[in-house]
Amino acid sequence: MDLEQNILLQPSTVTNDVRLLGKIVEMNTILVFNLPNNPGTEWITYSITLAADSGWYKEVFENEVPTELEMREVLSILEHMYIRGEYSRAVDTGSIDSVYLRSGN
């Protein structure tokens, strides 16, 4: 995915740049990923691997890495994927482009 913002003033302290929501055994399970850096005023391309050992963690149990089985279960019953678009507390414009989901096979 590609992200950019038009200004770099008043950076937001919000985290969880990408969130995956699925239901495992009648419970919402949310896995989150934080990008290594916020987008700048030029387009930045980010690539995120959908595997348990690639930087994902459970939102409720912060810093707890999901098992590979939990990751696969969330992906198999994925209800929502959220991509953060706001990186500033100032009045600004954020942009997103080129979001792709690809199979590793």
PDB file of N, CA and C in Angstrom:
ATOM      1  N   MET A   1       0.843  -1.162   0.000  1.00  0.00           N
ATOM      2  CA  MET A   1       0.000   0.000   0.000  1.00  0.00           C
ATOM      3  C   MET A   1       0.889   1.224   0.000  1.00  0.00           C
ATOM      4  N   ASP A   2       0.361   2.309  -0.507  1.00  0.00           N
ATOM      5  CA  ASP A   2       1.076   3.574  -0.548  1.00  0.00           C
ATOM      6  C   ASP A   2       0.315   4.596   0.290  1.00  0.00           C
ATOM      7  N   LEU A   3       1.061   5.352   1.109  1.00  0.00           N
ATOM      8  CA  LEU A   3       0.459   6.381   1.957  1.00  0.00           C
ATOM      9  C   LEU A   3       1.242   7.682   1.813  1.00  0.00           C
ATOM     10  N   GLU A   4       0.550   8.798   1.972  1.00  0.00           N
ATOM     11  CA  GLU A   4       1.196  10.106   2.055  1.00  0.00           C
ATOM     12  C   GLU A   4       0.289  11.036   2.847  1.00  0.00           C
ATOM     13  N   GLN A   5       0.876  12.121   3.333  1.00  0.00           N
ATOM     14  CA  GLN A   5       0.105  13.184   3.979  1.00  0.00           C
ATOM     15  C   GLN A   5       0.660  14.518   3.499  1.00  0.00           C
ATOM     16  N   ASN A   6      -0.157  15.544   3.560  1.00  0.00           N
ATOM     17  CA  ASN A   6       0.301  16.808   2.970  1.00  0.00           C
ATOM     18  C   ASN A   6       1.106  17.688   3.923  1.00  0.00           C
ATOM     19  N   ILE A   7       1.054  17.421   5.226  1.00  0.00           N
ATOM     20  CA  ILE A   7       1.866  18.173   6.193  1.00  0.00           C
ATOM     21  C   ILE A   7       2.409  17.214   7.248  1.00  0.00           C
ATOM     22  N   LEU A   8       3.454  17.616   7.927  1.00  0.00           N
ATOM     23  CA  LEU A   8       4.054  16.785   8.970  1.00  0.00           C
ATOM     24  C   LEU A   8       3.915  17.415  10.351  1.00  0.00           C
ATOM     25  N   LEU A   9       3.024  18.396  10.491  1.00  0.00           N
ATOM     26  CA  LEU A   9       2.835  19.090  11.756  1.00  0.00           C
ATOM     27  C   LEU A   9       1.986  18.272  12.719  1.00  0.00           C
ATOM     28  N   GLN A  10       2.186  18.477  13.986  1.00  0.00           N
ATOM     29  CA  GLN A  10       1.394  17.876  15.055  1.00  0.00           C
ATOM     30  C   GLN A  10       1.148  16.383  14.838  1.00  0.00           C
ATOM     31  N   PRO A  11       2.211  15.575  14.834  1.00  0.00           N
ATOM     32  CA  PRO A  11       2.028  14.143  14.608  1.00  0.00           C
ATOM     33  C   PRO A  11       1.127  13.502  15.660  1.00  0.00           C
ATOM     34  N   SER A  12       0.305  12.600  15.221  1.00  0.00           N
ATOM     35  CA  SER A  12      -0.591  11.865  16.099  1.00  0.00           C
ATOM     36  C   SER A  12       0.205  10.828  16.881  1.00  0.00           C
ATOM     37  N   THR A  13      -0.235  10.536  18.083  1.00  0.00           N
ATOM     38  CA  THR A  13       0.407   9.496  18.881  1.00  0.00           C
ATOM     39  C   THR A  13      -0.334   8.168  18.788  1.00  0.00           C
ATOM     40  N   VAL A  14      -1.352   8.115  17.953  1.00  0.00           N
ATOM     41  CA  VAL A  14      -2.123   6.891  17.757  1.00  0.00           C
ATOM     42  C   VAL A  14      -1.226   5.839  17.092  1.00  0.00           C
ATOM     43  N   THR A  15      -1.421   4.604  17.481  1.00  0.00           N
ATOM     44  CA  THR A  15      -0.679   3.507  16.854  1.00  0.00           C
ATOM     45  C   THR A  15      -1.672   2.563  16.178  1.00  0.00           C
ATOM     46  N   ASN A  16      -1.270   1.368  15.941  1.00  0.00           N
ATOM     47  CA  ASN A  16      -2.104   0.365  15.280  1.00  0.00           C
ATOM     48  C   ASN A  16      -2.483   0.818  13.871  1.00  0.00           C
ATOM     49  N   ASP A  17      -1.483   0.840  13.000  1.00  0.00           N
ATOM     50  CA  ASP A  17      -1.666   1.333  11.637  1.00  0.00           C
ATOM     51  C   ASP A  17      -2.553   0.432  10.786  1.00  0.00           C
ATOM     52  N   VAL A  18      -2.487  -0.866  11.021  1.00  0.00           N
ATOM     53  CA  VAL A  18      -3.344  -1.817  10.303  1.00  0.00           C
ATOM     54  C   VAL A  18      -3.974  -2.729  11.337  1.00  0.00           C
ATOM     55  N   ARG A  19      -5.280  -2.946  11.207  1.00  0.00           N
ATOM     56  CA  ARG A  19      -6.018  -3.803  12.143  1.00  0.00           C
ATOM     57  C   ARG A  19      -6.796  -4.840  11.352  1.00  0.00           C
ATOM     58  N   LEU A  20      -6.706  -6.085  11.784  1.00  0.00           N
ATOM     59  CA  LEU A  20      -7.474  -7.183  11.201  1.00  0.00           C
ATOM     60  C   LEU A  20      -8.449  -7.679  12.249  1.00  0.00           C
ATOM     61  N   LEU A  21      -9.721  -7.753  11.893  1.00  0.00           N
ATOM     62  CA  LEU A  21     -10.753  -8.189  12.832  1.00  0.00           C
ATOM     63  C   LEU A  21     -11.394  -9.467  12.316  1.00  0.00           C
ATOM     64  N   GLY A  22     -11.350 -10.494  13.143  1.00  0.00           N
ATOM     65  CA  GLY A  22     -12.027 -11.756  12.835  1.00  0.00           C
ATOM     66  C   GLY A  22     -12.646 -12.305  14.105  1.00  0.00           C
ATOM     67  N   LYS A  23     -13.552 -13.249  13.972  1.00  0.00           N
ATOM     68  CA  LYS A  23     -14.168 -13.869  15.145  1.00  0.00           C
ATOM     69  C   LYS A  23     -13.596 -15.271  15.300  1.00  0.00           C
ATOM     70  N   ILE A  24     -13.008 -15.524  16.469  1.00  0.00           N
ATOM     71  CA  ILE A  24     -12.537 -16.866  16.803  1.00  0.00           C
ATOM     72  C   ILE A  24     -13.333 -17.319  18.009  1.00  0.00           C
ATOM     73  N   VAL A  25     -14.064 -18.408  17.870  1.00  0.00           N
ATOM     74  CA  VAL A  25     -14.880 -18.971  18.939  1.00  0.00           C
ATOM     75  C   VAL A  25     -15.757 -17.901  19.588  1.00  0.00           C
ATOM     76  N   GLU A  26     -16.563 -17.240  18.778  1.00  0.00           N
ATOM     77  CA  GLU A  26     -17.539 -16.243  19.233  1.00  0.00           C
ATOM     78  C   GLU A  26     -16.921 -14.991  19.860  1.00  0.00           C
ATOM     79  N   MET A  27     -15.621 -14.823  19.766  1.00  0.00           N
ATOM     80  CA  MET A  27     -14.980 -13.628  20.313  1.00  0.00           C
ATOM     81  C   MET A  27     -14.316 -12.861  19.188  1.00  0.00           C
ATOM     82  N   ASN A  28     -14.425 -11.528  19.236  1.00  0.00           N
ATOM     83  CA  ASN A  28     -13.683 -10.716  18.278  1.00  0.00           C
ATOM     84  C   ASN A  28     -12.200 -10.823  18.602  1.00  0.00           C
ATOM     85  N   THR A  29     -11.439 -11.126  17.592  1.00  0.00           N
ATOM     86  CA  THR A  29      -9.989 -11.144  17.737  1.00  0.00           C
ATOM     87  C   THR A  29      -9.439 -10.085  16.808  1.00  0.00           C
ATOM     88  N   ILE A  30      -8.672  -9.163  17.358  1.00  0.00           N
ATOM     89  CA  ILE A  30      -8.109  -8.078  16.570  1.00  0.00           C
ATOM     90  C   ILE A  30      -6.590  -8.184  16.614  1.00  0.00           C
ATOM     91  N   LEU A  31      -6.013  -8.280  15.433  1.00  0.00           N
ATOM     92  CA  LEU A  31      -4.564  -8.290  15.305  1.00  0.00           C
ATOM     93  C   LEU A  31      -4.141  -6.945  14.734  1.00  0.00           C
ATOM     94  N   VAL A  32      -3.062  -6.392  15.241  1.00  0.00           N
ATOM     95  CA  VAL A  32      -2.633  -5.064  14.821  1.00  0.00           C
ATOM     96  C   VAL A  32      -1.164  -5.080  14.384  1.00  0.00           C
ATOM     97  N   PHE A  33      -0.850  -4.117  13.523  1.00  0.00           N
ATOM     98  CA  PHE A  33       0.501  -3.977  12.994  1.00  0.00           C
ATOM     99  C   PHE A  33       0.846  -2.497  12.993  1.00  0.00           C
ATOM    100  N   ASN A  34       2.048  -2.169  13.438  1.00  0.00           N
ATOM    101  CA  ASN A  34       2.517  -0.785  13.413  1.00  0.00           C
ATOM    102  C   ASN A  34       3.579  -0.635  12.336  1.00  0.00           C
ATOM    103  N   LEU A  35       3.397   0.337  11.478  1.00  0.00           N
ATOM    104  CA  LEU A  35       4.377   0.605  10.434  1.00  0.00           C
ATOM    105  C   LEU A  35       5.672   1.114  11.057  1.00  0.00           C
ATOM    106  N   PRO A  36       6.800   0.892  10.394  1.00  0.00           N
ATOM    107  CA  PRO A  36       8.074   1.330  10.967  1.00  0.00           C
ATOM    108  C   PRO A  36       8.218   2.854  11.050  1.00  0.00           C
ATOM    109  N   ASN A  37       7.487   3.571  10.204  1.00  0.00           N
ATOM    110  CA  ASN A  37       7.523   5.037  10.226  1.00  0.00           C
ATOM    111  C   ASN A  37       6.238   5.577   9.613  1.00  0.00           C
ATOM    112  N   ASN A  38       5.894   6.779   9.996  1.00  0.00           N
ATOM    113  CA  ASN A  38       4.700   7.424   9.444  1.00  0.00           C
ATOM    114  C   ASN A  38       4.978   7.896   8.023  1.00  0.00           C
ATOM    115  N   PRO A  39       3.930   8.003   7.219  1.00  0.00           N
ATOM    116  CA  PRO A  39       4.134   8.513   5.863  1.00  0.00           C
ATOM    117  C   PRO A  39       4.596   9.968   5.878  1.00  0.00           C
ATOM    118  N   GLY A  40       5.281  10.344   4.818  1.00  0.00           N
ATOM    119  CA  GLY A  40       5.747  11.718   4.675  1.00  0.00           C
ATOM    120  C   GLY A  40       4.911  12.462   3.654  1.00  0.00           C
ATOM    121  N   THR A  41       5.465  13.545   3.149  1.00  0.00           N
ATOM    122  CA  THR A  41       4.739  14.360   2.168  1.00  0.00           C
ATOM    123  C   THR A  41       4.932  13.844   0.744  1.00  0.00           C
ATOM    124  N   GLU A  42       5.691  12.790   0.592  1.00  0.00           N
ATOM    125  CA  GLU A  42       5.806  12.065  -0.684  1.00  0.00           C
ATOM    126  C   GLU A  42       5.256  10.664  -0.444  1.00  0.00           C
ATOM    127  N   TRP A  43       4.797  10.021  -1.487  1.00  0.00           N
ATOM    128  CA  TRP A  43       4.264   8.666  -1.363  1.00  0.00           C
ATOM    129  C   TRP A  43       5.329   7.731  -0.801  1.00  0.00           C
ATOM    130  N   ILE A  44       4.938   6.917   0.173  1.00  0.00           N
ATOM    131  CA  ILE A  44       5.795   5.864   0.717  1.00  0.00           C
ATOM    132  C   ILE A  44       5.064   4.541   0.535  1.00  0.00           C
ATOM    133  N   THR A  45       5.771   3.555   0.026  1.00  0.00           N
ATOM    134  CA  THR A  45       5.200   2.228  -0.174  1.00  0.00           C
ATOM    135  C   THR A  45       5.529   1.350   1.026  1.00  0.00           C
ATOM    136  N   TYR A  46       4.503   0.703   1.562  1.00  0.00           N
ATOM    137  CA  TYR A  46       4.650  -0.221   2.680  1.00  0.00           C
ATOM    138  C   TYR A  46       4.211  -1.599   2.222  1.00  0.00           C
ATOM    139  N   SER A  47       4.922  -2.603   2.661  1.00  0.00           N
ATOM    140  CA  SER A  47       4.564  -3.989   2.376  1.00  0.00           C
ATOM    141  C   SER A  47       4.521  -4.727   3.707  1.00  0.00           C
ATOM    142  N   ILE A  48       3.406  -5.369   3.981  1.00  0.00           N
ATOM    143  CA  ILE A  48       3.207  -6.038   5.262  1.00  0.00           C
ATOM    144  C   ILE A  48       2.931  -7.516   4.993  1.00  0.00           C
ATOM    145  N   THR A  49       3.683  -8.375   5.646  1.00  0.00           N
ATOM    146  CA  THR A  49       3.488  -9.813   5.512  1.00  0.00           C
ATOM    147  C   THR A  49       2.402 -10.266   6.472  1.00  0.00           C
ATOM    148  N   LEU A  50       1.476 -11.055   5.973  1.00  0.00           N
ATOM    149  CA  LEU A  50       0.380 -11.564   6.803  1.00  0.00           C
ATOM    150  C   LEU A  50       0.787 -12.904   7.409  1.00  0.00           C
ATOM    151  N   ALA A  51       1.737 -12.858   8.323  1.00  0.00           N
ATOM    152  CA  ALA A  51       2.212 -14.038   9.046  1.00  0.00           C
ATOM    153  C   ALA A  51       2.419 -13.637  10.505  1.00  0.00           C
ATOM    154  N   ALA A  52       2.214 -14.573  11.402  1.00  0.00           N
ATOM    155  CA  ALA A  52       2.261 -14.277  12.838  1.00  0.00           C
ATOM    156  C   ALA A  52       3.600 -13.712  13.283  1.00  0.00           C
ATOM    157  N   ASP A  53       4.678 -14.141  12.677  1.00  0.00           N
ATOM    158  CA  ASP A  53       6.009 -13.736  13.138  1.00  0.00           C
ATOM    159  C   ASP A  53       6.568 -12.529  12.386  1.00  0.00           C
ATOM    160  N   SER A  54       5.697 -11.729  11.780  1.00  0.00           N
ATOM    161  CA  SER A  54       6.174 -10.592  10.978  1.00  0.00           C
ATOM    162  C   SER A  54       5.837  -9.225  11.580  1.00  0.00           C
ATOM    163  N   GLY A  55       5.591  -9.181  12.889  1.00  0.00           N
ATOM    164  CA  GLY A  55       5.352  -7.899  13.539  1.00  0.00           C
ATOM    165  C   GLY A  55       3.925  -7.670  14.015  1.00  0.00           C
ATOM    166  N   TRP A  56       3.057  -8.628  13.815  1.00  0.00           N
ATOM    167  CA  TRP A  56       1.672  -8.514  14.286  1.00  0.00           C
ATOM    168  C   TRP A  56       1.623  -8.807  15.776  1.00  0.00           C
ATOM    169  N   TYR A  57       0.640  -8.216  16.459  1.00  0.00           N
ATOM    170  CA  TYR A  57       0.382  -8.590  17.833  1.00  0.00           C
ATOM    171  C   TYR A  57      -1.110  -8.440  18.116  1.00  0.00           C
ATOM    172  N   LYS A  58      -1.534  -9.034  19.234  1.00  0.00           N
ATOM    173  CA  LYS A  58      -2.945  -8.987  19.614  1.00  0.00           C
ATOM    174  C   LYS A  58      -3.241  -7.636  20.239  1.00  0.00           C
ATOM    175  N   GLU A  59      -4.335  -7.005  19.816  1.00  0.00           N
ATOM    176  CA  GLU A  59      -4.662  -5.678  20.328  1.00  0.00           C
ATOM    177  C   GLU A  59      -4.990  -5.698  21.812  1.00  0.00           C
ATOM    178  N   VAL A  60      -5.751  -6.670  22.247  1.00  0.00           N
ATOM    179  CA  VAL A  60      -6.178  -6.717  23.649  1.00  0.00           C
ATOM    180  C   VAL A  60      -5.007  -7.042  24.568  1.00  0.00           C
ATOM    181  N   PHE A  61      -4.138  -7.959  24.144  1.00  0.00           N
ATOM    182  CA  PHE A  61      -2.975  -8.350  24.938  1.00  0.00           C
ATOM    183  C   PHE A  61      -1.741  -7.747  24.279  1.00  0.00           C
ATOM    184  N   GLU A  62      -1.589  -6.424  24.442  1.00  0.00           N
ATOM    185  CA  GLU A  62      -0.539  -5.696  23.735  1.00  0.00           C
ATOM    186  C   GLU A  62       0.811  -6.382  23.889  1.00  0.00           C
ATOM    187  N   ASN A  63       1.507  -6.470  22.799  1.00  0.00           N
ATOM    188  CA  ASN A  63       2.829  -7.096  22.692  1.00  0.00           C
ATOM    189  C   ASN A  63       2.788  -8.621  22.719  1.00  0.00           C
ATOM    190  N   GLU A  64       1.612  -9.222  22.777  1.00  0.00           N
ATOM    191  CA  GLU A  64       1.526 -10.678  22.677  1.00  0.00           C
ATOM    192  C   GLU A  64       1.378 -11.043  21.208  1.00  0.00           C
ATOM    193  N   VAL A  65       2.323 -11.787  20.709  1.00  0.00           N
ATOM    194  CA  VAL A  65       2.325 -12.188  19.302  1.00  0.00           C
ATOM    195  C   VAL A  65       1.311 -13.317  19.107  1.00  0.00           C
ATOM    196  N   PRO A  66       0.501 -13.252  18.046  1.00  0.00           N
ATOM    197  CA  PRO A  66      -0.432 -14.346  17.800  1.00  0.00           C
ATOM    198  C   PRO A  66       0.328 -15.593  17.349  1.00  0.00           C
ATOM    199  N   THR A  67      -0.262 -16.734  17.594  1.00  0.00           N
ATOM    200  CA  THR A  67       0.310 -17.964  17.046  1.00  0.00           C
ATOM    201  C   THR A  67      -0.001 -17.998  15.552  1.00  0.00           C
ATOM    202  N   GLU A  68       0.695 -18.836  14.835  1.00  0.00           N
ATOM    203  CA  GLU A  68       0.418 -18.976  13.401  1.00  0.00           C
ATOM    204  C   GLU A  68      -1.017 -19.458  13.197  1.00  0.00           C
ATOM    205  N   LEU A  69      -1.512 -20.343  14.075  1.00  0.00           N
ATOM    206  CA  LEU A  69      -2.890 -20.820  13.977  1.00  0.00           C
ATOM    207  C   LEU A  69      -3.873 -19.670  14.176  1.00  0.00           C
ATOM    208  N   GLU A  70      -3.641 -18.810  15.168  1.00  0.00           N
ATOM    209  CA  GLU A  70      -4.525 -17.659  15.389  1.00  0.00           C
ATOM    210  C   GLU A  70      -4.512 -16.726  14.183  1.00  0.00           C
ATOM    211  N   MET A  71      -3.336 -16.493  13.630  1.00  0.00           N
ATOM    212  CA  MET A  71      -3.237 -15.629  12.447  1.00  0.00           C
ATOM    213  C   MET A  71      -4.040 -16.213  11.294  1.00  0.00           C
ATOM    214  N   ARG A  72      -3.883 -17.499  11.061  1.00  0.00           N
ATOM    215  CA  ARG A  72      -4.621 -18.155   9.967  1.00  0.00           C
ATOM    216  C   ARG A  72      -6.129 -18.128  10.212  1.00  0.00           C
ATOM    217  N   GLU A  73      -6.535 -18.329  11.469  1.00  0.00           N
ATOM    218  CA  GLU A  73      -7.965 -18.296  11.789  1.00  0.00           C
ATOM    219  C   GLU A  73      -8.552 -16.910  11.536  1.00  0.00           C
ATOM    220  N   VAL A  74      -7.860 -15.868  11.979  1.00  0.00           N
ATOM    221  CA  VAL A  74      -8.358 -14.506  11.752  1.00  0.00           C
ATOM    222  C   VAL A  74      -8.463 -14.232  10.253  1.00  0.00           C
ATOM    223  N   LEU A  75      -7.452 -14.621   9.498  1.00  0.00           N
ATOM    224  CA  LEU A  75      -7.478 -14.389   8.045  1.00  0.00           C
ATOM    225  C   LEU A  75      -8.565 -15.205   7.360  1.00  0.00           C
ATOM    226  N   SER A  76      -8.849 -16.393   7.871  1.00  0.00           N
ATOM    227  CA  SER A  76      -9.858 -17.240   7.224  1.00  0.00           C
ATOM    228  C   SER A  76     -11.281 -16.752   7.485  1.00  0.00           C
ATOM    229  N   ILE A  77     -11.472 -15.982   8.550  1.00  0.00           N
ATOM    230  CA  ILE A  77     -12.797 -15.458   8.879  1.00  0.00           C
ATOM    231  C   ILE A  77     -12.767 -13.934   8.996  1.00  0.00           C
ATOM    232  N   LEU A  78     -11.898 -13.317   8.233  1.00  0.00           N
ATOM    233  CA  LEU A  78     -11.697 -11.873   8.300  1.00  0.00           C
ATOM    234  C   LEU A  78     -13.004 -11.129   8.026  1.00  0.00           C
ATOM    235  N   GLU A  79     -13.384 -10.264   8.958  1.00  0.00           N
ATOM    236  CA  GLU A  79     -14.587  -9.459   8.794  1.00  0.00           C
ATOM    237  C   GLU A  79     -14.260  -8.034   8.371  1.00  0.00           C
ATOM    238  N   HIS A  80     -13.155  -7.484   8.894  1.00  0.00           N
ATOM    239  CA  HIS A  80     -12.780  -6.112   8.581  1.00  0.00           C
ATOM    240  C   HIS A  80     -11.264  -5.969   8.572  1.00  0.00           C
ATOM    241  N   MET A  81     -10.783  -5.116   7.694  1.00  0.00           N
ATOM    242  CA  MET A  81      -9.385  -4.705   7.710  1.00  0.00           C
ATOM    243  C   MET A  81      -9.396  -3.179   7.709  1.00  0.00           C
ATOM    244  N   TYR A  82      -8.752  -2.604   8.695  1.00  0.00           N
ATOM    245  CA  TYR A  82      -8.690  -1.154   8.825  1.00  0.00           C
ATOM    246  C   TYR A  82      -7.267  -0.699   8.561  1.00  0.00           C
ATOM    247  N   ILE A  83      -7.111   0.331   7.760  1.00  0.00           N
ATOM    248  CA  ILE A  83      -5.808   0.930   7.507  1.00  0.00           C
ATOM    249  C   ILE A  83      -5.890   2.379   7.961  1.00  0.00           C
ATOM    250  N   ARG A  84      -5.040   2.728   8.877  1.00  0.00           N
ATOM    251  CA  ARG A  84      -5.040   4.083   9.430  1.00  0.00           C
ATOM    252  C   ARG A  84      -4.697   5.097   8.341  1.00  0.00           C
ATOM    253  N   GLY A  85      -5.417   6.194   8.319  1.00  0.00           N
ATOM    254  CA  GLY A  85      -5.176   7.214   7.320  1.00  0.00           C
ATOM    255  C   GLY A  85      -4.863   8.579   7.909  1.00  0.00           C
ATOM    256  N   GLU A  86      -4.954   8.699   9.217  1.00  0.00           N
ATOM    257  CA  GLU A  86      -4.742   9.994   9.869  1.00  0.00           C
ATOM    258  C   GLU A  86      -3.481   9.935  10.719  1.00  0.00           C
ATOM    259  N   TYR A  87      -2.500  10.758  10.362  1.00  0.00           N
ATOM    260  CA  TYR A  87      -1.216  10.751  11.062  1.00  0.00           C
ATOM    261  C   TYR A  87      -0.882  12.099  11.682  1.00  0.00           C
ATOM    262  N   SER A  88      -1.819  13.027  11.635  1.00  0.00           N
ATOM    263  CA  SER A  88      -1.579  14.354  12.184  1.00  0.00           C
ATOM    264  C   SER A  88      -2.802  14.810  12.966  1.00  0.00           C
ATOM    265  N   ARG A  89      -2.570  15.593  14.008  1.00  0.00           N
ATOM    266  CA  ARG A  89      -3.679  16.199  14.746  1.00  0.00           C
ATOM    267  C   ARG A  89      -4.073  17.533  14.134  1.00  0.00           C
ATOM    268  N   ALA A  90      -3.303  17.997  13.147  1.00  0.00           N
ATOM    269  CA  ALA A  90      -3.610  19.256  12.452  1.00  0.00           C
ATOM    270  C   ALA A  90      -4.624  18.984  11.338  1.00  0.00           C
ATOM    271  N   VAL A  91      -5.178  20.057  10.799  1.00  0.00           N
ATOM    272  CA  VAL A  91      -6.054  19.920   9.631  1.00  0.00           C
ATOM    273  C   VAL A  91      -5.146  19.586   8.452  1.00  0.00           C
ATOM    274  N   ASP A  92      -5.350  18.425   7.897  1.00  0.00           N
ATOM    275  CA  ASP A  92      -4.459  17.939   6.851  1.00  0.00           C
ATOM    276  C   ASP A  92      -5.224  17.052   5.886  1.00  0.00           C
ATOM    277  N   THR A  93      -4.508  16.546   4.902  1.00  0.00           N
ATOM    278  CA  THR A  93      -5.065  15.586   3.960  1.00  0.00           C
ATOM    279  C   THR A  93      -4.144  14.376   3.921  1.00  0.00           C
ATOM    280  N   GLY A  94      -4.697  13.212   4.179  1.00  0.00           N
ATOM    281  CA  GLY A  94      -3.957  11.963   4.061  1.00  0.00           C
ATOM    282  C   GLY A  94      -4.472  11.209   2.848  1.00  0.00           C
ATOM    283  N   SER A  95      -3.585  10.471   2.205  1.00  0.00           N
ATOM    284  CA  SER A  95      -3.975   9.736   0.995  1.00  0.00           C
ATOM    285  C   SER A  95      -3.477   8.304   1.071  1.00  0.00           C
ATOM    286  N   ILE A  96      -4.249   7.394   0.482  1.00  0.00           N
ATOM    287  CA  ILE A  96      -3.891   5.984   0.415  1.00  0.00           C
ATOM    288  C   ILE A  96      -4.119   5.507  -1.019  1.00  0.00           C
ATOM    289  N   ASP A  97      -3.266   4.624  -1.473  1.00  0.00           N
ATOM    290  CA  ASP A  97      -3.371   4.105  -2.836  1.00  0.00           C
ATOM    291  C   ASP A  97      -2.746   2.715  -2.869  1.00  0.00           C
ATOM    292  N   SER A  98      -3.081   1.982  -3.886  1.00  0.00           N
ATOM    293  CA  SER A  98      -2.434   0.695  -4.198  1.00  0.00           C
ATOM    294  C   SER A  98      -2.458  -0.308  -3.057  1.00  0.00           C
ATOM    295  N   VAL A  99      -3.636  -0.584  -2.538  1.00  0.00           N
ATOM    296  CA  VAL A  99      -3.776  -1.606  -1.492  1.00  0.00           C
ATOM    297  C   VAL A  99      -4.071  -2.929  -2.187  1.00  0.00           C
ATOM    298  N   TYR A 100      -3.198  -3.913  -1.929  1.00  0.00           N
ATOM    299  CA  TYR A 100      -3.343  -5.234  -2.549  1.00  0.00           C
ATOM    300  C   TYR A 100      -3.189  -6.304  -1.485  1.00  0.00           C
ATOM    301  N   LEU A 101      -3.955  -7.356  -1.622  1.00  0.00           N
ATOM    302  CA  LEU A 101      -3.771  -8.571  -0.823  1.00  0.00           C
ATOM    303  C   LEU A 101      -3.335  -9.652  -1.793  1.00  0.00           C
ATOM    304  N   ARG A 102      -2.166 -10.242  -1.537  1.00  0.00           N
ATOM    305  CA  ARG A 102      -1.657 -11.280  -2.428  1.00  0.00           C
ATOM    306  C   ARG A 102      -1.398 -12.550  -1.669  1.00  0.00           C
ATOM    307  N   SER A 103      -1.654 -13.663  -2.305  1.00  0.00           N
ATOM    308  CA  SER A 103      -1.361 -14.962  -1.737  1.00  0.00           C
ATOM    309  C   SER A 103       0.132 -15.249  -1.894  1.00  0.00           C
ATOM    310  N   GLY A 104       0.703 -15.908  -0.910  1.00  0.00           N
ATOM    311  CA  GLY A 104       2.114 -16.273  -0.973  1.00  0.00           C
ATOM    312  C   GLY A 104       2.356 -17.510  -1.812  1.00  0.00           C
ATOM    313  N   ASN A 105       1.288 -18.130  -2.291  1.00  0.00           N
ATOM    314  CA  ASN A 105       1.447 -19.371  -3.083  1.00  0.00           C
ATOM    315  C   ASN A 105       1.769 -19.085  -4.524  1.00  0.00           C
TER     316      ASN A 105
END
